[in-house]
Amino acid sequence: MIKVDNLSYSFPQKDLYNKISFTLEEGQHCAFIGTSGSGKSTLIDIIMDPERYMFDGKLEIDPNCRIGYVSQFSQLDKTKETTVFEYIGEEFIKLQNEMTSICTEMETSSDIDTLLEKYQQSLDAFDAIGGDDFESNINKKLNLANLIKHKDLMISELSGGEFKLIQVIKEMLNSPDLMIMDEPDVFLDFENLNSLKNLINSHKKTMLIITHNRYLLNHCFNKIIHLENMELQEFDGRYIDYNFSLLQTKIELQELAIADNEEIERNEILINKLRTIATNNADASNGKALKARVKIQERLENRRIKEPFVDIKQPDISLATDNKIEETIALKVKDYSVTFDEMLLENINFEIKSTDKVALIGSNGTGKTTLLREIFKNNSDSIEINYDVEVAYLSQLQGEILNESNTILEEFFDAGFKTYREIRSYISNYGFDEEVIDQKIECLSGGEKNILQLAKVSASKANMLLLDEPTSHLDTYSQIALEKAIENYNGAILMISHDYYSIINCMDYVLIIEDKTIRKMSMRKFRKMIYASHFDKDYLEIEQKKKSVETKIALALKNTDFERAKILSEELEALIKLL
């Protein structure tokens, strides 16, 4: 369906791809992964509209291929006066109305042949998207997404997460040959994320989906395309098997690298000697010996670890505080209520201690973000923050915290940094190279903006963090780096999240919003709730064991204990089979 061959493309300030190649075949469900800012969304744009881009190499797409698309930035139009059913069935209803209008026109027109031709065109278009059963198909998809009860609601009444699912359903029912989605999971609550998983798995045609969501990656795909440092590789199989193959490659190559590095050093000395001899003595045999030795050196270099895929650099996220306080009540919320068009939260009460790490969860549209913002503003009589507590806030609306018209340099001068060198050194830990320091923030990817927010939050040295969907848009490597940073943080955290893994790996307990109120839930009960809806028995426990073994392998590799790493990889493989 799609064939990319030796494609290269560059922005004025950045090279994106260096002779990348892959194929996408009919019926494959392909996850497109890679670190934030590596060019995934741009490659999608090139596939969808190649005429807009000047690239080297070949891009072949079946000329009859119909592409459906769901953007990561789609916004709910609150003014749209149409029902959910009418919105999803828009194309079907339009074609139906066209055919009805043509039939009416035929009753009085003398030009029947032209009208018959127009009718046939509309009918062909209607049949191409499965028009005969469109009402039944809409109902099936709505049922699958657990949204059938919203069928007759106005679009304006939906939450952002519900609207995202409705967009996915609409594109699927228009029967594209290729369905492309760019981070469709961002900001979806637990139920909606599970619905998205069901929709993806029910779709029989080809899909190409950019995602960093570990739940979807582990449950929805049979092909992986991985873009890293301008290079790309493809893998036919599950994401979890792909990660294991990378780990095995890393163990093998690092073991080879120890011996290779020594041989490369010896070889380099010999090459320099042969070069000196060949320069001083033009004998042909000297030149041949030099060329042979250079070829050996090239072969040794090629055997080294392929950094783009098996040695991916994680950002060094460090959530530090200069003002650690003794265990006390950091935040007290008492009889807090909030109303928009209707009551969202009513007389809620909770306390957070100065070392608590708490997940705030609930369905889309239940008031989580509103509550977090109100705590940050701290101008309500119902919200009391300890005098010794300094608060920092990360927003899911990135422009709320970042001035997107600023360059990265300007943003950190505004944040209190004094010198160019200080800023350059600080943000390099977060994966921003010196050449992008003068880049406008608006030009960054969603993941890069979130990393930049985390860098600002960390620089504040606050002892209480309010984090609204901090893992959204982050690649999996950055998500894991953030989890480590949260584990090591010695202040209080209140975090809105729909990421199972981050909550289970980092949080002490959960505050869940239900029926306009809030209640505390232990991690044990949270796990039980998640199992009931989303996972097979013991899934998350196996994931935890898997994470523990991966950590041990990383330590063994650090200590160059390759035998232990190999034994542990066998243990890891056994756990993966259970998943």
Protein backbone atom coordinates (compact mmCIF):
# COMPACT_ATOMS: atom_id res chain seq x y z
CA MET A 1 0.00 0.00 0.00
CA ILE A 2 2.87 2.37 0.87
CA LYS A 3 6.52 2.02 -0.04
CA VAL A 4 9.14 4.51 1.18
CA ASP A 5 12.60 4.05 -0.33
CA ASN A 6 15.72 5.98 0.73
CA LEU A 7 13.73 9.07 1.69
CA SER A 8 15.67 12.06 3.06
CA TYR A 9 14.23 15.38 4.22
CA SER A 10 15.50 18.39 6.13
CA PHE A 11 14.13 21.54 7.72
CA PRO A 12 16.31 24.69 7.43
CA GLN A 13 17.55 24.14 11.01
CA LYS A 14 17.34 20.36 11.31
CA ASP A 15 17.90 17.16 9.32
CA LEU A 16 14.96 14.80 9.88
CA TYR A 17 15.52 11.66 7.79
CA ASN A 18 18.58 10.09 6.22
CA LYS A 19 17.62 7.57 3.52
CA ILE A 20 14.82 5.89 5.46
CA SER A 21 12.85 3.00 3.97
CA PHE A 22 9.78 0.97 4.97
CA THR A 23 6.69 -0.69 3.52
CA LEU A 24 3.15 -0.81 4.82
CA GLU A 25 0.99 -3.65 3.55
CA GLU A 26 -2.74 -4.13 3.39
CA GLY A 27 -4.38 -5.01 6.71
CA GLN A 28 -1.40 -4.19 8.93
CA HIS A 29 -1.91 -2.24 12.15
CA CYS A 30 1.33 -0.30 12.46
CA ALA A 31 2.53 1.73 15.48
CA PHE A 32 4.83 4.60 14.55
CA ILE A 33 7.17 5.35 17.47
CA GLY A 34 10.25 7.44 18.21
CA THR A 35 11.48 10.18 20.52
CA SER A 36 9.70 13.53 20.62
CA GLY A 37 10.74 15.84 17.79
CA SER A 38 12.17 13.05 15.62
CA GLY A 39 9.81 13.92 12.72
CA LYS A 40 6.95 11.42 13.00
CA SER A 41 4.15 13.93 12.36
CA THR A 42 6.10 15.47 9.47
CA LEU A 43 6.49 12.06 7.82
CA ILE A 44 2.72 11.57 8.15
CA ASP A 45 2.22 14.95 6.45
CA ILE A 46 4.56 13.90 3.62
CA ILE A 47 2.61 10.66 3.10
CA MET A 48 -0.70 12.53 3.02
CA ASP A 49 0.42 15.39 0.75
CA PRO A 50 3.78 14.61 -0.90
CA GLU A 51 3.42 17.49 -3.39
CA ARG A 52 3.97 20.01 -0.57
CA TYR A 53 7.43 18.70 0.28
CA MET A 54 10.78 18.67 -1.49
CA PHE A 55 12.37 15.39 -0.42
CA ASP A 56 14.95 13.00 -1.84
CA GLY A 57 14.14 9.34 -2.46
CA LYS A 58 10.90 7.62 -3.44
CA LEU A 59 7.44 7.54 -1.94
CA GLU A 60 5.03 5.14 -3.64
CA ILE A 61 1.35 5.07 -2.66
CA ASP A 62 -1.39 3.12 -4.43
CA PRO A 63 -3.06 5.84 -6.55
CA ASN A 64 -6.51 4.55 -5.54
CA CYS A 65 -5.66 4.60 -1.82
CA ARG A 66 -8.21 6.58 0.19
CA ILE A 67 -6.70 8.00 3.39
CA GLY A 68 -8.60 8.80 6.59
CA TYR A 69 -6.95 11.06 9.17
CA VAL A 70 -7.41 11.95 12.85
CA SER A 71 -5.18 14.78 14.11
CA GLN A 72 -3.66 15.06 17.59
CA PHE A 73 -4.84 18.69 17.70
CA SER A 74 -8.52 18.28 16.82
CA GLN A 75 -10.70 20.52 18.97
CA LEU A 76 -14.33 20.14 19.96
CA ASP A 77 -16.49 22.81 18.33
CA LYS A 78 -18.93 23.78 21.07
CA THR A 79 -21.02 25.77 18.58
CA LYS A 80 -21.66 22.86 16.22
CA GLU A 81 -25.42 22.29 16.14
CA THR A 82 -25.59 18.66 15.07
CA THR A 83 -26.19 15.38 16.84
CA VAL A 84 -23.54 12.70 17.29
CA PHE A 85 -25.35 10.48 14.76
CA GLU A 86 -25.59 13.29 12.18
CA TYR A 87 -21.91 14.19 12.68
CA ILE A 88 -20.68 10.62 12.17
CA GLY A 89 -23.06 9.99 9.27
CA GLU A 90 -22.44 13.36 7.59
CA GLU A 91 -21.01 11.92 4.36
CA PHE A 92 -23.68 9.19 4.15
CA ILE A 93 -26.53 11.63 4.78
CA LYS A 94 -25.11 14.09 2.25
CA LEU A 95 -24.99 11.41 -0.47
CA GLN A 96 -28.47 10.18 0.47
CA ASN A 97 -29.83 13.71 0.15
CA GLU A 98 -28.07 14.13 -3.21
CA MET A 99 -29.71 10.97 -4.57
CA THR A 100 -33.12 11.99 -3.22
CA SER A 101 -32.74 15.42 -4.82
CA ILE A 102 -31.75 13.90 -8.18
CA CYS A 103 -34.79 11.57 -8.08
CA THR A 104 -37.06 14.55 -7.41
CA GLU A 105 -35.47 16.46 -10.28
CA MET A 106 -36.01 13.51 -12.63
CA GLU A 107 -39.80 13.84 -12.21
CA THR A 108 -39.82 17.18 -14.06
CA SER A 109 -36.58 17.20 -16.12
CA SER A 110 -36.18 16.25 -19.77
CA ASP A 111 -32.43 15.63 -19.40
CA ILE A 112 -32.79 12.19 -17.80
CA ASP A 113 -29.45 10.82 -19.08
CA THR A 114 -27.39 13.51 -17.33
CA LEU A 115 -29.34 13.04 -14.12
CA LEU A 116 -28.94 9.25 -14.31
CA GLU A 117 -25.20 9.72 -14.67
CA LYS A 118 -25.11 12.03 -11.61
CA TYR A 119 -27.24 9.56 -9.65
CA GLN A 120 -24.90 6.69 -10.53
CA GLN A 121 -21.87 8.73 -9.39
CA SER A 122 -23.53 9.44 -6.02
CA LEU A 123 -24.61 5.81 -5.70
CA ASP A 124 -21.08 4.55 -6.43
CA ALA A 125 -19.67 6.92 -3.81
CA PHE A 126 -22.35 5.76 -1.34
CA ASP A 127 -21.57 2.09 -1.99
CA ALA A 128 -17.78 2.71 -1.70
CA ILE A 129 -18.20 3.75 1.94
CA GLY A 130 -20.67 0.96 2.81
CA GLY A 131 -23.73 3.19 2.64
CA ASP A 132 -26.38 0.43 2.63
CA ASP A 133 -25.71 -0.46 6.26
CA PHE A 134 -24.48 2.87 7.54
CA GLU A 135 -27.05 3.30 10.32
CA SER A 136 -26.40 -0.21 11.61
CA ASN A 137 -22.63 0.29 11.34
CA ILE A 138 -22.77 3.57 13.27
CA ASN A 139 -24.70 1.84 16.05
CA LYS A 140 -22.17 -1.01 16.17
CA LYS A 141 -19.21 1.35 16.48
CA LEU A 142 -20.95 3.49 19.11
CA ASN A 143 -21.70 0.33 21.10
CA LEU A 144 -18.08 -0.80 20.78
CA ALA A 145 -16.90 2.58 22.10
CA ASN A 146 -19.53 2.51 24.88
CA LEU A 147 -21.06 5.71 23.44
CA ILE A 148 -24.43 4.47 22.13
CA LYS A 149 -26.17 6.47 24.88
CA HIS A 150 -24.73 9.64 23.29
CA LYS A 151 -26.15 8.93 19.82
CA ASP A 152 -28.77 11.70 19.97
CA LEU A 153 -26.72 14.18 22.03
CA MET A 154 -25.50 17.38 20.42
CA ILE A 155 -21.78 17.37 19.56
CA SER A 156 -21.37 20.43 21.79
CA GLU A 157 -22.41 18.34 24.83
CA LEU A 158 -19.50 15.87 24.51
CA SER A 159 -16.27 15.92 26.51
CA GLY A 160 -13.01 16.30 24.60
CA GLY A 161 -12.24 12.58 25.00
CA GLU A 162 -15.67 11.52 23.79
CA PHE A 163 -15.35 13.80 20.75
CA LYS A 164 -11.98 12.24 19.89
CA LEU A 165 -13.61 8.79 19.79
CA ILE A 166 -16.46 10.14 17.67
CA GLN A 167 -13.89 11.48 15.18
CA VAL A 168 -12.20 8.07 15.05
CA ILE A 169 -15.56 6.37 14.42
CA LYS A 170 -16.45 8.87 11.70
CA GLU A 171 -13.19 8.30 9.83
CA MET A 172 -13.44 4.51 10.16
CA LEU A 173 -16.99 4.43 8.79
CA ASN A 174 -15.96 6.40 5.73
CA SER A 175 -14.04 3.20 4.81
CA PRO A 176 -10.56 4.58 4.04
CA ASP A 177 -8.02 2.10 2.68
CA LEU A 178 -5.47 3.60 5.06
CA MET A 179 -6.37 5.08 8.44
CA ILE A 180 -3.75 7.48 9.87
CA MET A 181 -3.99 8.76 13.43
CA ASP A 182 -1.58 11.10 15.23
CA GLU A 183 -1.61 10.45 19.00
CA PRO A 184 -5.37 9.77 19.19
CA ASP A 185 -4.97 8.69 22.84
CA VAL A 186 -3.86 12.05 24.28
CA PHE A 187 -6.01 13.09 27.29
CA LEU A 188 -8.37 10.09 27.01
CA ASP A 189 -9.64 8.80 30.36
CA PHE A 190 -9.42 5.09 31.27
CA GLU A 191 -12.78 4.14 29.77
CA ASN A 192 -12.26 6.10 26.56
CA LEU A 193 -8.75 4.69 26.14
CA ASN A 194 -10.17 1.17 26.39
CA SER A 195 -12.82 2.13 23.83
CA LEU A 196 -10.10 3.39 21.48
CA LYS A 197 -8.29 0.06 21.88
CA ASN A 198 -11.50 -1.78 20.93
CA LEU A 199 -12.06 0.45 17.89
CA ILE A 200 -8.50 -0.07 16.64
CA ASN A 201 -8.67 -3.84 17.09
CA SER A 202 -12.05 -4.06 15.34
CA HIS A 203 -10.82 -2.21 12.24
CA LYS A 204 -9.96 -4.61 9.42
CA LYS A 205 -8.11 -2.24 7.11
CA THR A 206 -4.61 -0.77 7.25
CA MET A 207 -3.70 1.59 10.09
CA LEU A 208 -0.68 3.81 10.78
CA ILE A 209 -0.83 5.33 14.26
CA ILE A 210 1.63 7.58 16.05
CA THR A 211 1.39 6.73 19.74
CA HIS A 212 3.46 6.63 22.90
CA ASN A 213 0.71 5.05 24.97
CA ARG A 214 2.05 1.84 26.51
CA TYR A 215 -1.41 0.30 26.91
CA LEU A 216 -2.20 0.70 23.20
CA LEU A 217 1.31 -0.30 22.14
CA ASN A 218 1.02 -3.55 24.07
CA HIS A 219 -2.48 -4.44 22.85
CA CYS A 220 -3.14 -3.14 19.32
CA PHE A 221 -0.32 -3.56 16.80
CA ASN A 222 1.31 -6.21 14.62
CA LYS A 223 3.99 -3.97 13.08
CA ILE A 224 6.34 -1.35 14.51
CA ILE A 225 8.06 1.49 12.66
CA HIS A 226 10.72 3.16 14.82
CA LEU A 227 12.22 6.52 13.82
CA GLU A 228 15.29 7.65 15.76
CA ASN A 229 18.13 10.09 15.01
CA MET A 230 17.24 10.34 11.30
CA GLU A 231 17.22 6.54 10.85
CA LEU A 232 14.30 4.13 10.69
CA GLN A 233 13.77 0.43 11.22
CA GLU A 234 10.66 -1.72 10.90
CA PHE A 235 9.64 -4.80 12.85
CA ASP A 236 6.84 -7.25 12.05
CA GLY A 237 5.38 -8.26 15.40
CA ARG A 238 4.23 -6.94 18.77
CA TYR A 239 5.72 -3.90 20.46
CA ILE A 240 6.72 -5.93 23.52
CA ASP A 241 8.65 -8.39 21.29
CA TYR A 242 10.28 -5.49 19.46
CA ASN A 243 11.56 -4.03 22.74
CA PHE A 244 12.90 -7.43 23.75
CA SER A 245 14.73 -7.81 20.42
CA LEU A 246 16.34 -4.39 20.98
CA LEU A 247 17.50 -5.46 24.42
CA GLN A 248 18.98 -8.71 23.11
CA THR A 249 20.78 -6.75 20.38
CA LYS A 250 22.13 -4.36 22.97
CA ILE A 251 23.53 -7.19 25.11
CA GLU A 252 25.18 -8.84 22.09
CA LEU A 253 26.59 -5.63 20.67
CA GLN A 254 27.90 -4.25 23.95
CA GLU A 255 29.74 -7.51 24.54
CA LEU A 256 31.25 -7.27 21.07
CA ALA A 257 32.01 -3.60 21.60
CA ILE A 258 34.36 -4.29 24.53
CA ALA A 259 36.58 -6.47 22.35
CA ASP A 260 36.01 -4.33 19.26
CA ASN A 261 37.11 -1.12 20.96
CA GLU A 262 40.43 -2.71 21.88
CA GLU A 263 40.86 -4.08 18.36
CA ILE A 264 39.84 -0.75 16.81
CA GLU A 265 42.49 1.05 18.86
CA ARG A 266 45.17 -1.47 17.82
CA ASN A 267 44.00 -1.27 14.22
CA GLU A 268 44.11 2.54 14.24
CA ILE A 269 47.74 2.47 15.38
CA LEU A 270 48.56 -0.01 12.58
CA ILE A 271 46.72 2.08 9.97
CA ASN A 272 48.69 5.18 10.97
CA LYS A 273 51.95 3.23 10.64
CA LEU A 274 50.93 1.84 7.21
CA ARG A 275 49.84 5.30 6.09
CA THR A 276 53.25 6.69 7.02
CA ILE A 277 55.00 3.84 5.17
CA ALA A 278 52.78 4.26 2.07
CA THR A 279 53.44 8.01 2.07
CA ASN A 280 57.21 7.53 2.18
CA ASN A 281 57.27 4.49 -0.13
CA ALA A 282 54.99 4.39 -3.18
CA ASP A 283 55.26 0.60 -3.50
CA ALA A 284 51.85 -0.85 -4.58
CA SER A 285 51.93 -3.54 -1.87
CA ASN A 286 52.05 -0.86 0.83
CA GLY A 287 48.92 0.80 -0.62
CA LYS A 288 47.08 -2.55 -0.77
CA ALA A 289 47.98 -3.34 2.84
CA LEU A 290 46.68 0.06 3.93
CA LYS A 291 43.39 -0.36 2.01
CA ALA A 292 42.86 -3.84 3.46
CA ARG A 293 43.43 -2.57 6.99
CA VAL A 294 41.05 0.39 6.45
CA LYS A 295 38.34 -2.05 5.28
CA ILE A 296 38.82 -4.12 8.45
CA GLN A 297 38.46 -0.92 10.47
CA GLU A 298 35.23 -0.02 8.66
CA ARG A 299 33.83 -3.48 9.36
CA LEU A 300 34.68 -3.14 13.05
CA GLU A 301 33.07 0.31 13.20
CA ASN A 302 29.89 -1.03 11.58
CA ARG A 303 29.64 -3.71 14.26
CA ARG A 304 29.45 -1.14 17.03
CA ILE A 305 26.14 -0.52 18.81
CA LYS A 306 23.59 1.14 16.54
CA GLU A 307 22.86 4.12 18.77
CA PRO A 308 19.63 5.25 17.13
CA PHE A 309 17.77 2.19 18.35
CA VAL A 310 19.47 0.34 21.20
CA ASP A 311 21.15 3.20 23.06
CA ILE A 312 18.44 5.85 23.05
CA LYS A 313 19.23 8.86 25.22
CA GLN A 314 16.61 9.57 27.88
CA PRO A 315 16.17 13.13 29.10
CA ASP A 316 17.67 13.64 32.53
CA ILE A 317 14.51 14.83 34.31
CA SER A 318 15.29 15.84 37.88
CA LEU A 319 12.48 17.14 40.08
CA ALA A 320 14.37 18.85 42.89
CA THR A 321 13.35 21.12 45.77
CA ASP A 322 15.46 23.55 47.81
CA ASN A 323 12.89 23.72 50.58
CA LYS A 324 12.05 20.27 51.93
CA ILE A 325 9.66 20.55 54.86
CA GLU A 326 8.93 18.12 57.66
CA GLU A 327 5.90 15.90 57.17
CA THR A 328 2.84 18.07 57.62
CA ILE A 329 -0.37 18.97 55.77
CA ALA A 330 0.74 20.69 52.55
CA LEU A 331 -2.74 21.20 51.04
CA LYS A 332 -6.22 21.23 52.54
CA VAL A 333 -9.38 21.46 50.41
CA LYS A 334 -12.57 21.94 52.42
CA ASP A 335 -16.17 22.15 51.14
CA TYR A 336 -15.00 23.15 47.66
CA SER A 337 -17.60 23.39 44.87
CA VAL A 338 -17.44 24.50 41.26
CA THR A 339 -20.19 25.13 38.72
CA PHE A 340 -20.12 25.85 35.00
CA ASP A 341 -23.27 25.05 33.02
CA GLU A 342 -23.97 22.54 35.77
CA MET A 343 -22.48 21.51 39.12
CA LEU A 344 -19.12 19.79 38.48
CA LEU A 345 -17.83 19.34 42.03
CA GLU A 346 -19.88 19.72 45.18
CA ASN A 347 -18.53 20.19 48.73
CA ILE A 348 -15.39 18.10 48.20
CA ASN A 349 -12.85 17.61 51.01
CA PHE A 350 -9.34 16.15 51.08
CA GLU A 351 -5.84 16.73 52.47
CA ILE A 352 -2.41 16.03 51.01
CA LYS A 353 0.70 15.67 53.16
CA SER A 354 4.03 17.24 52.27
CA THR A 355 5.48 13.94 50.98
CA ASP A 356 2.34 12.42 49.40
CA LYS A 357 2.33 11.51 45.71
CA VAL A 358 -1.29 11.45 44.65
CA ALA A 359 -3.05 10.68 41.36
CA LEU A 360 -6.23 12.64 40.64
CA ILE A 361 -8.39 10.54 38.31
CA GLY A 362 -11.89 10.57 36.87
CA SER A 363 -13.73 10.59 33.57
CA ASN A 364 -13.18 13.32 30.99
CA GLY A 365 -15.11 16.46 31.89
CA THR A 366 -15.49 15.84 35.64
CA GLY A 367 -13.55 18.93 36.76
CA LYS A 368 -10.02 17.61 37.43
CA THR A 369 -8.20 20.35 35.50
CA THR A 370 -10.46 23.04 36.97
CA LEU A 371 -9.63 21.87 40.49
CA LEU A 372 -5.88 21.76 39.81
CA ARG A 373 -5.94 25.30 38.36
CA GLU A 374 -7.87 26.60 41.37
CA ILE A 375 -5.31 25.07 43.74
CA PHE A 376 -2.51 26.74 41.78
CA LYS A 377 -4.27 30.13 41.82
CA ASN A 378 -4.95 29.70 45.57
CA ASN A 379 -7.59 32.41 45.77
CA SER A 380 -10.49 30.35 47.13
CA ASP A 381 -11.50 30.27 50.79
CA SER A 382 -11.99 26.51 50.39
CA ILE A 383 -8.32 25.92 49.47
CA GLU A 384 -5.55 26.24 52.05
CA ILE A 385 -1.87 25.77 51.16
CA ASN A 386 0.73 25.50 53.91
CA TYR A 387 2.76 28.72 54.33
CA ASP A 388 6.05 26.84 53.72
CA VAL A 389 4.81 25.22 50.51
CA GLU A 390 5.92 26.60 47.13
CA VAL A 391 3.82 25.33 44.22
CA ALA A 392 4.75 24.71 40.57
CA TYR A 393 2.21 23.85 37.86
CA LEU A 394 2.40 21.89 34.60
CA SER A 395 -0.60 22.46 32.33
CA GLN A 396 -2.07 20.18 29.66
CA LEU A 397 -2.59 23.46 27.72
CA GLN A 398 1.09 24.05 27.07
CA GLY A 399 0.64 27.68 26.03
CA GLU A 400 -0.67 28.40 29.54
CA ILE A 401 2.82 27.91 31.04
CA LEU A 402 5.08 28.44 28.01
CA ASN A 403 5.14 31.64 25.94
CA GLU A 404 5.16 29.95 22.55
CA SER A 405 6.34 33.10 20.75
CA ASN A 406 9.51 32.97 22.88
CA THR A 407 12.64 31.12 21.87
CA ILE A 408 13.82 28.46 24.34
CA LEU A 409 16.59 30.88 25.39
CA GLU A 410 14.11 33.72 26.05
CA GLU A 411 11.80 31.41 28.00
CA PHE A 412 14.52 30.47 30.47
CA PHE A 413 15.82 34.02 30.82
CA ASP A 414 12.22 34.88 31.76
CA ALA A 415 12.30 31.99 34.26
CA GLY A 416 15.22 33.58 36.11
CA PHE A 417 18.33 32.08 34.50
CA LYS A 418 21.17 34.60 34.21
CA THR A 419 23.47 33.50 31.38
CA TYR A 420 23.41 31.78 27.99
CA ARG A 421 25.90 29.19 29.26
CA GLU A 422 23.72 28.39 32.29
CA ILE A 423 20.64 27.85 30.11
CA ARG A 424 22.53 25.80 27.51
CA SER A 425 23.97 23.52 30.21
CA TYR A 426 20.61 23.11 31.96
CA ILE A 427 18.41 22.31 28.97
CA SER A 428 20.98 19.96 27.43
CA ASN A 429 20.05 17.54 30.24
CA TYR A 430 16.52 17.53 28.85
CA GLY A 431 17.65 16.61 25.34
CA PHE A 432 17.76 20.08 23.75
CA ASP A 433 20.97 20.62 21.78
CA GLU A 434 22.66 24.00 21.48
CA GLU A 435 21.48 24.50 17.88
CA VAL A 436 17.80 24.62 18.93
CA ILE A 437 18.22 27.07 21.80
CA ASP A 438 17.17 29.96 19.53
CA GLN A 439 14.22 28.05 18.09
CA LYS A 440 10.68 29.34 18.70
CA ILE A 441 8.76 27.19 21.17
CA GLU A 442 5.77 27.15 18.80
CA CYS A 443 7.89 25.13 16.35
CA LEU A 444 8.50 22.30 18.83
CA SER A 445 6.56 19.03 18.91
CA GLY A 446 3.96 18.41 21.62
CA GLY A 447 6.35 16.10 23.45
CA GLU A 448 9.21 18.62 23.33
CA LYS A 449 6.91 21.31 24.77
CA ASN A 450 5.99 19.04 27.67
CA ILE A 451 9.66 18.26 28.32
CA LEU A 452 10.30 22.02 28.33
CA GLN A 453 7.48 22.47 30.85
CA LEU A 454 9.06 19.80 33.05
CA ALA A 455 12.41 21.62 32.80
CA LYS A 456 10.71 24.84 33.99
CA VAL A 457 8.90 23.03 36.80
CA SER A 458 12.17 21.46 37.96
CA ALA A 459 14.03 24.78 37.79
CA SER A 460 11.47 26.32 40.17
CA LYS A 461 12.71 24.02 42.99
CA ALA A 462 9.12 23.97 44.29
CA ASN A 463 8.19 21.52 47.05
CA MET A 464 4.69 20.80 45.72
CA LEU A 465 4.00 19.97 42.08
CA LEU A 466 0.62 20.15 40.34
CA LEU A 467 0.98 18.09 37.16
CA ASP A 468 -1.87 17.98 34.62
CA GLU A 469 -1.33 15.01 32.28
CA PRO A 470 2.50 15.28 32.37
CA THR A 471 3.01 12.13 30.25
CA SER A 472 0.82 13.39 27.37
CA HIS A 473 2.79 13.62 24.10
CA LEU A 474 5.91 12.20 25.83
CA ASP A 475 7.69 9.32 24.12
CA THR A 476 8.01 6.14 26.19
CA TYR A 477 11.66 6.86 27.09
CA SER A 478 10.70 10.27 28.50
CA GLN A 479 7.74 8.74 30.35
CA ILE A 480 10.09 6.30 32.10
CA ALA A 481 12.54 9.13 32.88
CA LEU A 482 9.67 11.14 34.41
CA GLU A 483 8.61 8.16 36.53
CA LYS A 484 12.14 7.89 37.93
CA ALA A 485 12.15 11.62 38.68
CA ILE A 486 8.79 11.40 40.49
CA GLU A 487 10.02 8.42 42.55
CA ASN A 488 13.09 10.42 43.64
CA TYR A 489 11.23 13.68 44.36
CA ASN A 490 10.96 14.47 48.09
CA GLY A 491 8.04 16.91 47.97
CA ALA A 492 4.29 16.54 47.40
CA ILE A 493 2.73 15.80 44.00
CA LEU A 494 -0.88 15.99 42.85
CA MET A 495 -1.00 14.57 39.33
CA ILE A 496 -3.88 14.23 36.89
CA SER A 497 -3.18 11.18 34.79
CA HIS A 498 -4.88 8.48 32.74
CA ASP A 499 -1.65 6.50 32.37
CA TYR A 500 -1.97 3.22 34.30
CA TYR A 501 1.75 2.66 34.36
CA SER A 502 2.72 6.08 35.75
CA ILE A 503 0.08 5.85 38.48
CA ILE A 504 1.02 2.34 39.55
CA ASN A 505 4.77 2.95 39.33
CA CYS A 506 4.84 6.29 41.18
CA MET A 507 1.78 7.15 43.23
CA ASP A 508 1.01 6.49 46.92
CA TYR A 509 -2.76 6.58 46.50
CA VAL A 510 -5.54 7.86 44.24
CA LEU A 511 -8.21 10.55 44.56
CA ILE A 512 -11.09 9.59 42.29
CA ILE A 513 -13.84 11.99 41.17
CA GLU A 514 -17.23 10.35 40.84
CA ASP A 515 -20.78 11.78 41.09
CA LYS A 516 -19.52 15.33 41.73
CA THR A 517 -17.55 14.26 44.80
CA ILE A 518 -14.08 12.93 45.55
CA ARG A 519 -12.90 9.90 47.50
CA LYS A 520 -9.56 8.43 48.47
CA MET A 521 -8.62 5.03 47.04
CA SER A 522 -5.69 2.82 48.01
CA MET A 523 -3.37 1.54 45.29
CA ARG A 524 -4.61 -1.99 46.02
CA LYS A 525 -8.20 -1.00 45.26
CA PHE A 526 -7.11 1.01 42.22
CA ARG A 527 -5.33 -2.03 40.80
CA LYS A 528 -8.43 -4.13 41.41
CA MET A 529 -10.61 -1.56 39.62
CA ILE A 530 -8.23 -1.42 36.65
CA TYR A 531 -8.03 -5.22 36.42
CA ALA A 532 -11.81 -5.51 36.32
CA SER A 533 -12.09 -3.24 33.29
CA HIS A 534 -8.86 -3.39 31.34
CA PHE A 535 -6.41 -6.19 32.11
CA ASP A 536 -6.16 -9.92 32.39
CA LYS A 537 -5.45 -11.31 35.85
CA ASP A 538 -1.96 -10.47 37.17
CA TYR A 539 -1.08 -8.38 34.10
CA LEU A 540 0.23 -5.38 36.02
CA GLU A 541 2.12 -7.56 38.51
CA ILE A 542 3.88 -9.24 35.60
CA GLU A 543 4.61 -5.78 34.15
CA GLN A 544 6.16 -4.78 37.49
CA LYS A 545 8.33 -7.92 37.54
CA LYS A 546 9.32 -7.22 33.93
CA LYS A 547 10.36 -3.69 34.86
CA SER A 548 12.42 -5.04 37.78
CA VAL A 549 14.26 -7.53 35.54
CA GLU A 550 14.92 -4.82 32.92
CA THR A 551 16.47 -2.65 35.65
CA LYS A 552 18.72 -5.55 36.72
CA ILE A 553 19.78 -6.08 33.07
CA ALA A 554 20.65 -2.38 32.75
CA LEU A 555 22.81 -2.63 35.89
CA ALA A 556 24.51 -5.82 34.61
CA LEU A 557 25.34 -4.08 31.31
CA LYS A 558 26.68 -1.07 33.20
CA ASN A 559 29.00 -3.44 35.07
CA THR A 560 29.85 -5.31 31.82
CA ASP A 561 28.52 -8.52 33.39
CA PHE A 562 27.24 -9.98 30.13
CA GLU A 563 26.70 -13.50 31.44
CA ARG A 564 24.30 -12.19 34.08
CA ALA A 565 22.59 -10.00 31.48
CA LYS A 566 21.99 -13.05 29.26
CA ILE A 567 20.56 -15.11 32.16
CA LEU A 568 18.27 -12.21 33.10
CA SER A 569 17.14 -11.82 29.49
CA GLU A 570 15.92 -15.43 29.55
CA GLU A 571 13.94 -14.58 32.70
CA LEU A 572 12.56 -11.53 30.90
CA GLU A 573 11.55 -13.58 27.87
CA ALA A 574 9.57 -15.94 30.11
CA LEU A 575 7.70 -12.96 31.63
CA ILE A 576 6.96 -11.54 28.17
CA LYS A 577 5.36 -14.84 27.14
CA LEU A 578 2.98 -14.49 30.11
CA LEU A 579 1.91 -11.10 28.73
